[in-house]
Amino acid sequence: MEEARLPTALLVDATLRPLNGRGIFYYITNKGNHASGIIMLKLNSLGQGCTLLIQQRDLDGNLGWTHALGEENVEEAKADEYITRSIARDPDLWVIEIEDPQRHNPFEGKMI
């Protein structure tokens, strides 16, 4: 039996709303499928590159995160090019940019 899952739009809103109070800015650059779109995060450290993460399921079917480009730190232009190609392939993809020097992922799930 598949686990019950919050619609992506509600998960995004509930997870990002507390960032406002901590002074962490974010931008939803592509709104995907309201109910079931997957999430790509661009964690921007503002001048020292960024981390590009995408949701992925592990072997047990649990949602987690993986480095979309296979490396932890990438140049922003390279990340932006990858994001553009990814949206062209999957318009239901949610893309969120978070400006955080610590590059903290506010969403649940382990690194895969």
PDB file of N, CA and C in Angstrom:
ATOM      1  N   MET A   1       0.847  -1.183   0.000  1.00  0.00           N
ATOM      2  CA  MET A   1       0.000   0.000   0.000  1.00  0.00           C
ATOM      3  C   MET A   1       0.887   1.239   0.000  1.00  0.00           C
ATOM      4  N   GLU A   2       0.584   2.203  -0.868  1.00  0.00           N
ATOM      5  CA  GLU A   2       1.374   3.411  -0.981  1.00  0.00           C
ATOM      6  C   GLU A   2       1.067   4.351   0.176  1.00  0.00           C
ATOM      7  N   GLU A   3       2.100   5.046   0.666  1.00  0.00           N
ATOM      8  CA  GLU A   3       1.922   5.960   1.782  1.00  0.00           C
ATOM      9  C   GLU A   3       1.058   7.151   1.375  1.00  0.00           C
ATOM     10  N   ALA A   4       0.265   7.650   2.330  1.00  0.00           N
ATOM     11  CA  ALA A   4      -0.521   8.857   2.080  1.00  0.00           C
ATOM     12  C   ALA A   4       0.447  10.031   2.010  1.00  0.00           C
ATOM     13  N   ARG A   5       0.173  10.927   1.079  1.00  0.00           N
ATOM     14  CA  ARG A   5       1.114  12.012   0.857  1.00  0.00           C
ATOM     15  C   ARG A   5       0.359  13.323   0.690  1.00  0.00           C
ATOM     16  N   LEU A   6       0.876  14.346   1.343  1.00  0.00           N
ATOM     17  CA  LEU A   6       0.309  15.682   1.187  1.00  0.00           C
ATOM     18  C   LEU A   6       0.470  16.147  -0.246  1.00  0.00           C
ATOM     19  N   PRO A   7      -0.497  16.866  -0.796  1.00  0.00           N
ATOM     20  CA  PRO A   7      -0.293  17.442  -2.118  1.00  0.00           C
ATOM     21  C   PRO A   7       0.954  18.334  -2.110  1.00  0.00           C
ATOM     22  N   THR A   8       1.685  18.316  -3.184  1.00  0.00           N
ATOM     23  CA  THR A   8       2.950  19.044  -3.249  1.00  0.00           C
ATOM     24  C   THR A   8       2.765  20.522  -2.926  1.00  0.00           C
ATOM     25  N   ALA A   9       1.708  21.140  -3.424  1.00  0.00           N
ATOM     26  CA  ALA A   9       1.486  22.569  -3.187  1.00  0.00           C
ATOM     27  C   ALA A   9       1.361  22.870  -1.689  1.00  0.00           C
ATOM     28  N   LEU A  10       0.661  22.014  -0.948  1.00  0.00           N
ATOM     29  CA  LEU A  10       0.527  22.220   0.500  1.00  0.00           C
ATOM     30  C   LEU A  10       1.845  21.972   1.222  1.00  0.00           C
ATOM     31  N   LEU A  11       2.578  20.951   0.800  1.00  0.00           N
ATOM     32  CA  LEU A  11       3.879  20.664   1.391  1.00  0.00           C
ATOM     33  C   LEU A  11       4.829  21.837   1.198  1.00  0.00           C
ATOM     34  N   VAL A  12       4.861  22.386  -0.002  1.00  0.00           N
ATOM     35  CA  VAL A  12       5.731  23.525  -0.298  1.00  0.00           C
ATOM     36  C   VAL A  12       5.359  24.712   0.585  1.00  0.00           C
ATOM     37  N   ASP A  13       4.084  25.031   0.642  1.00  0.00           N
ATOM     38  CA  ASP A  13       3.640  26.174   1.442  1.00  0.00           C
ATOM     39  C   ASP A  13       3.960  25.993   2.919  1.00  0.00           C
ATOM     40  N   ALA A  14       3.667  24.825   3.459  1.00  0.00           N
ATOM     41  CA  ALA A  14       3.908  24.563   4.883  1.00  0.00           C
ATOM     42  C   ALA A  14       5.396  24.567   5.231  1.00  0.00           C
ATOM     43  N   THR A  15       6.226  24.111   4.317  1.00  0.00           N
ATOM     44  CA  THR A  15       7.661  24.036   4.586  1.00  0.00           C
ATOM     45  C   THR A  15       8.335  25.394   4.432  1.00  0.00           C
ATOM     46  N   LEU A  16       7.916  26.180   3.459  1.00  0.00           N
ATOM     47  CA  LEU A  16       8.597  27.444   3.178  1.00  0.00           C
ATOM     48  C   LEU A  16       8.128  28.610   4.042  1.00  0.00           C
ATOM     49  N   ARG A  17       6.891  28.589   4.474  1.00  0.00           N
ATOM     50  CA  ARG A  17       6.344  29.710   5.247  1.00  0.00           C
ATOM     51  C   ARG A  17       7.216  30.092   6.446  1.00  0.00           C
ATOM     52  N   PRO A  18       7.728  29.159   7.248  1.00  0.00           N
ATOM     53  CA  PRO A  18       8.565  29.549   8.391  1.00  0.00           C
ATOM     54  C   PRO A  18       9.885  30.235   8.001  1.00  0.00           C
ATOM     55  N   LEU A  19      10.325  30.062   6.769  1.00  0.00           N
ATOM     56  CA  LEU A  19      11.575  30.703   6.348  1.00  0.00           C
ATOM     57  C   LEU A  19      11.452  32.222   6.386  1.00  0.00           C
ATOM     58  N   ASN A  20      10.266  32.741   6.104  1.00  0.00           N
ATOM     59  CA  ASN A  20      10.056  34.192   6.139  1.00  0.00           C
ATOM     60  C   ASN A  20      10.440  34.773   7.492  1.00  0.00           C
ATOM     61  N   GLY A  21      10.034  34.118   8.555  1.00  0.00           N
ATOM     62  CA  GLY A  21      10.327  34.596   9.901  1.00  0.00           C
ATOM     63  C   GLY A  21      11.805  34.536  10.254  1.00  0.00           C
ATOM     64  N   ARG A  22      12.545  33.713   9.551  1.00  0.00           N
ATOM     65  CA  ARG A  22      13.989  33.603   9.804  1.00  0.00           C
ATOM     66  C   ARG A  22      14.795  34.470   8.851  1.00  0.00           C
ATOM     67  N   GLY A  23      14.119  35.244   8.011  1.00  0.00           N
ATOM     68  CA  GLY A  23      14.814  36.132   7.093  1.00  0.00           C
ATOM     69  C   GLY A  23      15.491  35.426   5.936  1.00  0.00           C
ATOM     70  N   ILE A  24      15.015  34.234   5.601  1.00  0.00           N
ATOM     71  CA  ILE A  24      15.569  33.485   4.477  1.00  0.00           C
ATOM     72  C   ILE A  24      14.613  33.654   3.303  1.00  0.00           C
ATOM     73  N   PHE A  25      15.141  34.185   2.205  1.00  0.00           N
ATOM     74  CA  PHE A  25      14.310  34.447   1.038  1.00  0.00           C
ATOM     75  C   PHE A  25      14.252  33.230   0.132  1.00  0.00           C
ATOM     76  N   TYR A  26      13.107  33.054  -0.490  1.00  0.00           N
ATOM     77  CA  TYR A  26      12.934  31.958  -1.438  1.00  0.00           C
ATOM     78  C   TYR A  26      12.049  32.425  -2.576  1.00  0.00           C
ATOM     79  N   TYR A  27      12.188  31.739  -3.693  1.00  0.00           N
ATOM     80  CA  TYR A  27      11.411  32.048  -4.883  1.00  0.00           C
ATOM     81  C   TYR A  27      10.935  30.728  -5.487  1.00  0.00           C
ATOM     82  N   ILE A  28       9.670  30.652  -5.782  1.00  0.00           N
ATOM     83  CA  ILE A  28       9.141  29.492  -6.504  1.00  0.00           C
ATOM     84  C   ILE A  28       9.200  29.870  -7.976  1.00  0.00           C
ATOM     85  N   THR A  29      10.191  29.340  -8.669  1.00  0.00           N
ATOM     86  CA  THR A  29      10.414  29.749 -10.054  1.00  0.00           C
ATOM     87  C   THR A  29       9.620  28.918 -11.053  1.00  0.00           C
ATOM     88  N   ASN A  30       9.121  27.775 -10.615  1.00  0.00           N
ATOM     89  CA  ASN A  30       8.227  26.976 -11.465  1.00  0.00           C
ATOM     90  C   ASN A  30       7.267  26.211 -10.564  1.00  0.00           C
ATOM     91  N   LYS A  31       5.977  26.486 -10.730  1.00  0.00           N
ATOM     92  CA  LYS A  31       4.955  25.749  -9.977  1.00  0.00           C
ATOM     93  C   LYS A  31       4.554  24.550 -10.803  1.00  0.00           C
ATOM     94  N   GLY A  32       4.789  23.387 -10.252  1.00  0.00           N
ATOM     95  CA  GLY A  32       4.451  22.159 -10.945  1.00  0.00           C
ATOM     96  C   GLY A  32       3.055  21.693 -10.619  1.00  0.00           C
ATOM     97  N   ASN A  33       2.834  20.405 -10.774  1.00  0.00           N
ATOM     98  CA  ASN A  33       1.542  19.792 -10.516  1.00  0.00           C
ATOM     99  C   ASN A  33       1.158  20.012  -9.055  1.00  0.00           C
ATOM    100  N   HIS A  34      -0.051  20.537  -8.853  1.00  0.00           N
ATOM    101  CA  HIS A  34      -0.531  20.862  -7.505  1.00  0.00           C
ATOM    102  C   HIS A  34      -0.487  19.652  -6.567  1.00  0.00           C
ATOM    103  N   ALA A  35      -0.877  18.510  -7.074  1.00  0.00           N
ATOM    104  CA  ALA A  35      -1.030  17.336  -6.221  1.00  0.00           C
ATOM    105  C   ALA A  35       0.213  16.469  -6.124  1.00  0.00           C
ATOM    106  N   SER A  36       0.960  16.337  -7.219  1.00  0.00           N
ATOM    107  CA  SER A  36       1.996  15.302  -7.189  1.00  0.00           C
ATOM    108  C   SER A  36       3.309  15.663  -7.873  1.00  0.00           C
ATOM    109  N   GLY A  37       3.555  16.920  -8.138  1.00  0.00           N
ATOM    110  CA  GLY A  37       4.822  17.279  -8.772  1.00  0.00           C
ATOM    111  C   GLY A  37       6.003  17.031  -7.842  1.00  0.00           C
ATOM    112  N   ILE A  38       7.147  16.692  -8.422  1.00  0.00           N
ATOM    113  CA  ILE A  38       8.342  16.537  -7.590  1.00  0.00           C
ATOM    114  C   ILE A  38       9.022  17.898  -7.459  1.00  0.00           C
ATOM    115  N   ILE A  39       9.931  18.005  -6.491  1.00  0.00           N
ATOM    116  CA  ILE A  39      10.545  19.283  -6.143  1.00  0.00           C
ATOM    117  C   ILE A  39      12.027  19.260  -6.466  1.00  0.00           C
ATOM    118  N   MET A  40      12.496  20.350  -7.075  1.00  0.00           N
ATOM    119  CA  MET A  40      13.922  20.589  -7.277  1.00  0.00           C
ATOM    120  C   MET A  40      14.260  21.847  -6.478  1.00  0.00           C
ATOM    121  N   LEU A  41      15.320  21.780  -5.704  1.00  0.00           N
ATOM    122  CA  LEU A  41      15.754  22.905  -4.884  1.00  0.00           C
ATOM    123  C   LEU A  41      17.087  23.442  -5.373  1.00  0.00           C
ATOM    124  N   LYS A  42      17.136  24.735  -5.542  1.00  0.00           N
ATOM    125  CA  LYS A  42      18.399  25.417  -5.820  1.00  0.00           C
ATOM    126  C   LYS A  42      18.729  26.186  -4.548  1.00  0.00           C
ATOM    127  N   LEU A  43      19.714  25.680  -3.806  1.00  0.00           N
ATOM    128  CA  LEU A  43      20.129  26.301  -2.552  1.00  0.00           C
ATOM    129  C   LEU A  43      21.294  27.227  -2.874  1.00  0.00           C
ATOM    130  N   ASN A  44      21.004  28.521  -2.923  1.00  0.00           N
ATOM    131  CA  ASN A  44      21.955  29.520  -3.369  1.00  0.00           C
ATOM    132  C   ASN A  44      22.675  30.132  -2.168  1.00  0.00           C
ATOM    133  N   SER A  45      23.998  30.007  -2.154  1.00  0.00           N
ATOM    134  CA  SER A  45      24.771  30.560  -1.041  1.00  0.00           C
ATOM    135  C   SER A  45      25.196  31.996  -1.301  1.00  0.00           C
ATOM    136  N   LEU A  46      24.682  32.597  -2.360  1.00  0.00           N
ATOM    137  CA  LEU A  46      24.912  34.010  -2.673  1.00  0.00           C
ATOM    138  C   LEU A  46      26.393  34.333  -2.877  1.00  0.00           C
ATOM    139  N   GLY A  47      26.922  33.809  -3.961  1.00  0.00           N
ATOM    140  CA  GLY A  47      28.288  34.157  -4.338  1.00  0.00           C
ATOM    141  C   GLY A  47      29.292  33.024  -4.240  1.00  0.00           C
ATOM    142  N   GLN A  48      28.919  31.935  -3.585  1.00  0.00           N
ATOM    143  CA  GLN A  48      29.843  30.819  -3.434  1.00  0.00           C
ATOM    144  C   GLN A  48      29.277  29.558  -4.071  1.00  0.00           C
ATOM    145  N   GLY A  49      28.575  29.735  -5.165  1.00  0.00           N
ATOM    146  CA  GLY A  49      27.975  28.590  -5.841  1.00  0.00           C
ATOM    147  C   GLY A  49      26.644  28.227  -5.229  1.00  0.00           C
ATOM    148  N   CYS A  50      26.122  27.099  -5.662  1.00  0.00           N
ATOM    149  CA  CYS A  50      24.843  26.642  -5.138  1.00  0.00           C
ATOM    150  C   CYS A  50      24.809  25.116  -5.138  1.00  0.00           C
ATOM    151  N   THR A  51      23.815  24.603  -4.456  1.00  0.00           N
ATOM    152  CA  THR A  51      23.569  23.174  -4.405  1.00  0.00           C
ATOM    153  C   THR A  51      22.236  22.932  -5.097  1.00  0.00           C
ATOM    154  N   LEU A  52      22.203  21.964  -6.000  1.00  0.00           N
ATOM    155  CA  LEU A  52      20.981  21.649  -6.729  1.00  0.00           C
ATOM    156  C   LEU A  52      20.527  20.253  -6.318  1.00  0.00           C
ATOM    157  N   LEU A  53      19.384  20.195  -5.635  1.00  0.00           N
ATOM    158  CA  LEU A  53      18.843  18.928  -5.137  1.00  0.00           C
ATOM    159  C   LEU A  53      17.523  18.625  -5.828  1.00  0.00           C
ATOM    160  N   ILE A  54      17.249  17.341  -5.999  1.00  0.00           N
ATOM    161  CA  ILE A  54      15.960  16.921  -6.554  1.00  0.00           C
ATOM    162  C   ILE A  54      15.437  15.745  -5.736  1.00  0.00           C
ATOM    163  N   GLN A  55      14.109  15.710  -5.582  1.00  0.00           N
ATOM    164  CA  GLN A  55      13.493  14.591  -4.874  1.00  0.00           C
ATOM    165  C   GLN A  55      13.662  13.315  -5.686  1.00  0.00           C
ATOM    166  N   GLN A  56      13.845  12.240  -4.940  1.00  0.00           N
ATOM    167  CA  GLN A  56      13.978  10.930  -5.566  1.00  0.00           C
ATOM    168  C   GLN A  56      13.558   9.886  -4.544  1.00  0.00           C
ATOM    169  N   ARG A  57      13.069   8.767  -5.001  1.00  0.00           N
ATOM    170  CA  ARG A  57      12.693   7.672  -4.091  1.00  0.00           C
ATOM    171  C   ARG A  57      13.870   6.723  -3.913  1.00  0.00           C
ATOM    172  N   ASP A  58      14.027   6.220  -2.683  1.00  0.00           N
ATOM    173  CA  ASP A  58      15.063   5.218  -2.439  1.00  0.00           C
ATOM    174  C   ASP A  58      14.523   3.839  -2.803  1.00  0.00           C
ATOM    175  N   LEU A  59      15.285   2.805  -2.552  1.00  0.00           N
ATOM    176  CA  LEU A  59      14.886   1.445  -2.937  1.00  0.00           C
ATOM    177  C   LEU A  59      13.637   0.965  -2.198  1.00  0.00           C
ATOM    178  N   ASP A  60      13.353   1.571  -1.033  1.00  0.00           N
ATOM    179  CA  ASP A  60      12.159   1.207  -0.271  1.00  0.00           C
ATOM    180  C   ASP A  60      10.958   2.065  -0.630  1.00  0.00           C
ATOM    181  N   GLY A  61      11.129   3.001  -1.562  1.00  0.00           N
ATOM    182  CA  GLY A  61      10.026   3.853  -1.987  1.00  0.00           C
ATOM    183  C   GLY A  61       9.863   5.136  -1.194  1.00  0.00           C
ATOM    184  N   ASN A  62      10.798   5.408  -0.278  1.00  0.00           N
ATOM    185  CA  ASN A  62      10.714   6.621   0.529  1.00  0.00           C
ATOM    186  C   ASN A  62      11.329   7.796  -0.218  1.00  0.00           C
ATOM    187  N   LEU A  63      10.667   8.965  -0.121  1.00  0.00           N
ATOM    188  CA  LEU A  63      11.201  10.153  -0.770  1.00  0.00           C
ATOM    189  C   LEU A  63      12.434  10.662  -0.036  1.00  0.00           C
ATOM    190  N   GLY A  64      13.435  11.016  -0.804  1.00  0.00           N
ATOM    191  CA  GLY A  64      14.654  11.599  -0.271  1.00  0.00           C
ATOM    192  C   GLY A  64      15.181  12.608  -1.272  1.00  0.00           C
ATOM    193  N   TRP A  65      16.438  12.952  -1.153  1.00  0.00           N
ATOM    194  CA  TRP A  65      17.053  13.976  -1.996  1.00  0.00           C
ATOM    195  C   TRP A  65      18.363  13.469  -2.575  1.00  0.00           C
ATOM    196  N   THR A  66      18.653  13.917  -3.770  1.00  0.00           N
ATOM    197  CA  THR A  66      19.924  13.592  -4.396  1.00  0.00           C
ATOM    198  C   THR A  66      20.451  14.839  -5.104  1.00  0.00           C
ATOM    199  N   HIS A  67      21.758  14.908  -5.263  1.00  0.00           N
ATOM    200  CA  HIS A  67      22.368  16.014  -5.992  1.00  0.00           C
ATOM    201  C   HIS A  67      22.047  15.845  -7.473  1.00  0.00           C
ATOM    202  N   ALA A  68      21.317  16.792  -8.033  1.00  0.00           N
ATOM    203  CA  ALA A  68      20.834  16.680  -9.412  1.00  0.00           C
ATOM    204  C   ALA A  68      21.976  16.588 -10.416  1.00  0.00           C
ATOM    205  N   LEU A  69      23.068  17.265 -10.148  1.00  0.00           N
ATOM    206  CA  LEU A  69      24.198  17.259 -11.070  1.00  0.00           C
ATOM    207  C   LEU A  69      25.349  16.386 -10.580  1.00  0.00           C
ATOM    208  N   GLY A  70      25.121  15.618  -9.533  1.00  0.00           N
ATOM    209  CA  GLY A  70      26.131  14.697  -9.035  1.00  0.00           C
ATOM    210  C   GLY A  70      27.217  15.343  -8.188  1.00  0.00           C
ATOM    211  N   GLU A  71      27.138  16.644  -7.969  1.00  0.00           N
ATOM    212  CA  GLU A  71      28.125  17.317  -7.129  1.00  0.00           C
ATOM    213  C   GLU A  71      27.415  18.246  -6.151  1.00  0.00           C
ATOM    214  N   GLU A  72      28.057  18.488  -5.022  1.00  0.00           N
ATOM    215  CA  GLU A  72      27.434  19.297  -3.986  1.00  0.00           C
ATOM    216  C   GLU A  72      27.457  20.788  -4.326  1.00  0.00           C
ATOM    217  N   ASN A  73      28.533  21.272  -4.901  1.00  0.00           N
ATOM    218  CA  ASN A  73      28.665  22.694  -5.206  1.00  0.00           C
ATOM    219  C   ASN A  73      28.809  22.873  -6.711  1.00  0.00           C
ATOM    220  N   VAL A  74      27.912  23.672  -7.294  1.00  0.00           N
ATOM    221  CA  VAL A  74      27.960  23.930  -8.734  1.00  0.00           C
ATOM    222  C   VAL A  74      27.849  25.428  -8.977  1.00  0.00           C
ATOM    223  N   GLU A  75      28.326  25.857 -10.127  1.00  0.00           N
ATOM    224  CA  GLU A  75      28.188  27.256 -10.512  1.00  0.00           C
ATOM    225  C   GLU A  75      26.714  27.534 -10.793  1.00  0.00           C
ATOM    226  N   GLU A  76      26.288  28.738 -10.469  1.00  0.00           N
ATOM    227  CA  GLU A  76      24.879  29.081 -10.626  1.00  0.00           C
ATOM    228  C   GLU A  76      24.423  28.962 -12.079  1.00  0.00           C
ATOM    229  N   ALA A  77      25.240  29.367 -13.026  1.00  0.00           N
ATOM    230  CA  ALA A  77      24.858  29.282 -14.443  1.00  0.00           C
ATOM    231  C   ALA A  77      24.624  27.835 -14.861  1.00  0.00           C
ATOM    232  N   LYS A  78      25.462  26.926 -14.382  1.00  0.00           N
ATOM    233  CA  LYS A  78      25.304  25.505 -14.703  1.00  0.00           C
ATOM    234  C   LYS A  78      23.999  24.966 -14.106  1.00  0.00           C
ATOM    235  N   ALA A  79      23.697  25.381 -12.881  1.00  0.00           N
ATOM    236  CA  ALA A  79      22.445  24.960 -12.240  1.00  0.00           C
ATOM    237  C   ALA A  79      21.247  25.500 -13.011  1.00  0.00           C
ATOM    238  N   ASP A  80      21.303  26.766 -13.417  1.00  0.00           N
ATOM    239  CA  ASP A  80      20.194  27.371 -14.143  1.00  0.00           C
ATOM    240  C   ASP A  80      19.951  26.683 -15.490  1.00  0.00           C
ATOM    241  N   GLU A  81      21.013  26.311 -16.178  1.00  0.00           N
ATOM    242  CA  GLU A  81      20.874  25.594 -17.446  1.00  0.00           C
ATOM    243  C   GLU A  81      20.190  24.247 -17.222  1.00  0.00           C
ATOM    244  N   TYR A  82      20.597  23.545 -16.174  1.00  0.00           N
ATOM    245  CA  TYR A  82      20.004  22.247 -15.867  1.00  0.00           C
ATOM    246  C   TYR A  82      18.517  22.399 -15.519  1.00  0.00           C
ATOM    247  N   ILE A  83      18.195  23.430 -14.755  1.00  0.00           N
ATOM    248  CA  ILE A  83      16.803  23.683 -14.378  1.00  0.00           C
ATOM    249  C   ILE A  83      15.950  23.928 -15.623  1.00  0.00           C
ATOM    250  N   THR A  84      16.447  24.734 -16.536  1.00  0.00           N
ATOM    251  CA  THR A  84      15.716  25.035 -17.771  1.00  0.00           C
ATOM    252  C   THR A  84      15.436  23.765 -18.568  1.00  0.00           C
ATOM    253  N   ARG A  85      16.451  22.915 -18.703  1.00  0.00           N
ATOM    254  CA  ARG A  85      16.265  21.650 -19.431  1.00  0.00           C
ATOM    255  C   ARG A  85      15.276  20.742 -18.697  1.00  0.00           C
ATOM    256  N   SER A  86      15.344  20.713 -17.375  1.00  0.00           N
ATOM    257  CA  SER A  86      14.468  19.844 -16.583  1.00  0.00           C
ATOM    258  C   SER A  86      13.007  20.262 -16.704  1.00  0.00           C
ATOM    259  N   ILE A  87      12.738  21.559 -16.691  1.00  0.00           N
ATOM    260  CA  ILE A  87      11.363  22.044 -16.833  1.00  0.00           C
ATOM    261  C   ILE A  87      10.831  21.725 -18.226  1.00  0.00           C
ATOM    262  N   ALA A  88      11.698  21.816 -19.233  1.00  0.00           N
ATOM    263  CA  ALA A  88      11.268  21.488 -20.599  1.00  0.00           C
ATOM    264  C   ALA A  88      10.852  20.021 -20.696  1.00  0.00           C
ATOM    265  N   ARG A  89      11.547  19.139 -19.967  1.00  0.00           N
ATOM    266  CA  ARG A  89      11.208  17.708 -19.968  1.00  0.00           C
ATOM    267  C   ARG A  89      10.012  17.392 -19.087  1.00  0.00           C
ATOM    268  N   ASP A  90       9.896  18.131 -17.965  1.00  0.00           N
ATOM    269  CA  ASP A  90       8.852  17.846 -16.981  1.00  0.00           C
ATOM    270  C   ASP A  90       8.239  19.150 -16.477  1.00  0.00           C
ATOM    271  N   PRO A  91       7.212  19.662 -17.159  1.00  0.00           N
ATOM    272  CA  PRO A  91       6.600  20.926 -16.735  1.00  0.00           C
ATOM    273  C   PRO A  91       5.896  20.834 -15.378  1.00  0.00           C
ATOM    274  N   ASP A  92       5.678  19.623 -14.857  1.00  0.00           N
ATOM    275  CA  ASP A  92       5.060  19.457 -13.537  1.00  0.00           C
ATOM    276  C   ASP A  92       6.070  19.571 -12.397  1.00  0.00           C
ATOM    277  N   LEU A  93       7.309  19.858 -12.709  1.00  0.00           N
ATOM    278  CA  LEU A  93       8.381  19.990 -11.727  1.00  0.00           C
ATOM    279  C   LEU A  93       8.232  21.296 -10.951  1.00  0.00           C
ATOM    280  N   TRP A  94       8.341  21.213  -9.637  1.00  0.00           N
ATOM    281  CA  TRP A  94       8.396  22.408  -8.797  1.00  0.00           C
ATOM    282  C   TRP A  94       9.861  22.796  -8.676  1.00  0.00           C
ATOM    283  N   VAL A  95      10.189  24.052  -8.928  1.00  0.00           N
ATOM    284  CA  VAL A  95      11.556  24.538  -8.770  1.00  0.00           C
ATOM    285  C   VAL A  95      11.532  25.691  -7.775  1.00  0.00           C
ATOM    286  N   ILE A  96      12.327  25.535  -6.719  1.00  0.00           N
ATOM    287  CA  ILE A  96      12.365  26.522  -5.646  1.00  0.00           C
ATOM    288  C   ILE A  96      13.807  26.929  -5.412  1.00  0.00           C
ATOM    289  N   GLU A  97      14.045  28.234  -5.432  1.00  0.00           N
ATOM    290  CA  GLU A  97      15.375  28.752  -5.117  1.00  0.00           C
ATOM    291  C   GLU A  97      15.327  29.346  -3.715  1.00  0.00           C
ATOM    292  N   ILE A  98      16.257  28.921  -2.882  1.00  0.00           N
ATOM    293  CA  ILE A  98      16.346  29.411  -1.509  1.00  0.00           C
ATOM    294  C   ILE A  98      17.696  30.085  -1.346  1.00  0.00           C
ATOM    295  N   GLU A  99      17.676  31.345  -0.902  1.00  0.00           N
ATOM    296  CA  GLU A  99      18.917  32.084  -0.671  1.00  0.00           C
ATOM    297  C   GLU A  99      19.327  31.887   0.783  1.00  0.00           C
ATOM    298  N   ASP A 100      20.306  31.036   0.977  1.00  0.00           N
ATOM    299  CA  ASP A 100      20.751  30.689   2.325  1.00  0.00           C
ATOM    300  C   ASP A 100      22.238  30.363   2.289  1.00  0.00           C
ATOM    301  N   PRO A 101      23.080  31.186   2.918  1.00  0.00           N
ATOM    302  CA  PRO A 101      24.520  30.913   2.913  1.00  0.00           C
ATOM    303  C   PRO A 101      24.873  29.529   3.473  1.00  0.00           C
ATOM    304  N   GLN A 102      24.007  28.976   4.328  1.00  0.00           N
ATOM    305  CA  GLN A 102      24.249  27.651   4.922  1.00  0.00           C
ATOM    306  C   GLN A 102      23.802  26.519   4.007  1.00  0.00           C
ATOM    307  N   ARG A 103      23.026  26.845   2.978  1.00  0.00           N
ATOM    308  CA  ARG A 103      22.472  25.861   2.031  1.00  0.00           C
ATOM    309  C   ARG A 103      21.688  24.759   2.739  1.00  0.00           C
ATOM    310  N   HIS A 104      20.872  25.146   3.678  1.00  0.00           N
ATOM    311  CA  HIS A 104      20.065  24.185   4.439  1.00  0.00           C
ATOM    312  C   HIS A 104      18.816  23.803   3.654  1.00  0.00           C
ATOM    313  N   ASN A 105      18.560  22.512   3.539  1.00  0.00           N
ATOM    314  CA  ASN A 105      17.354  22.008   2.896  1.00  0.00           C
ATOM    315  C   ASN A 105      16.251  21.947   3.955  1.00  0.00           C
ATOM    316  N   PRO A 106      15.196  22.768   3.831  1.00  0.00           N
ATOM    317  CA  PRO A 106      14.153  22.782   4.852  1.00  0.00           C
ATOM    318  C   PRO A 106      13.159  21.628   4.738  1.00  0.00           C
ATOM    319  N   PHE A 107      13.214  20.862   3.660  1.00  0.00           N
ATOM    320  CA  PHE A 107      12.281  19.761   3.456  1.00  0.00           C
ATOM    321  C   PHE A 107      12.779  18.486   4.127  1.00  0.00           C
ATOM    322  N   GLU A 108      11.832  17.639   4.505  1.00  0.00           N
ATOM    323  CA  GLU A 108      12.176  16.357   5.111  1.00  0.00           C
ATOM    324  C   GLU A 108      12.727  15.406   4.055  1.00  0.00           C
ATOM    325  N   GLY A 109      13.444  14.421   4.520  1.00  0.00           N
ATOM    326  CA  GLY A 109      13.976  13.394   3.643  1.00  0.00           C
ATOM    327  C   GLY A 109      15.492  13.362   3.714  1.00  0.00           C
ATOM    328  N   LYS A 110      16.022  12.163   3.692  1.00  0.00           N
ATOM    329  CA  LYS A 110      17.483  12.000   3.773  1.00  0.00           C
ATOM    330  C   LYS A 110      18.116  12.110   2.398  1.00  0.00           C
ATOM    331  N   MET A 111      19.403  12.321   2.410  1.00  0.00           N
ATOM    332  CA  MET A 111      20.160  12.319   1.155  1.00  0.00           C
ATOM    333  C   MET A 111      20.321  10.874   0.694  1.00  0.00           C
ATOM    334  N   ILE A 112      20.067  10.669  -0.578  1.00  0.00           N
ATOM    335  CA  ILE A 112      20.179   9.323  -1.163  1.00  0.00           C
ATOM    336  C   ILE A 112      21.446   9.273  -1.992  1.00  0.00           C
TER     337      ILE A 112
END
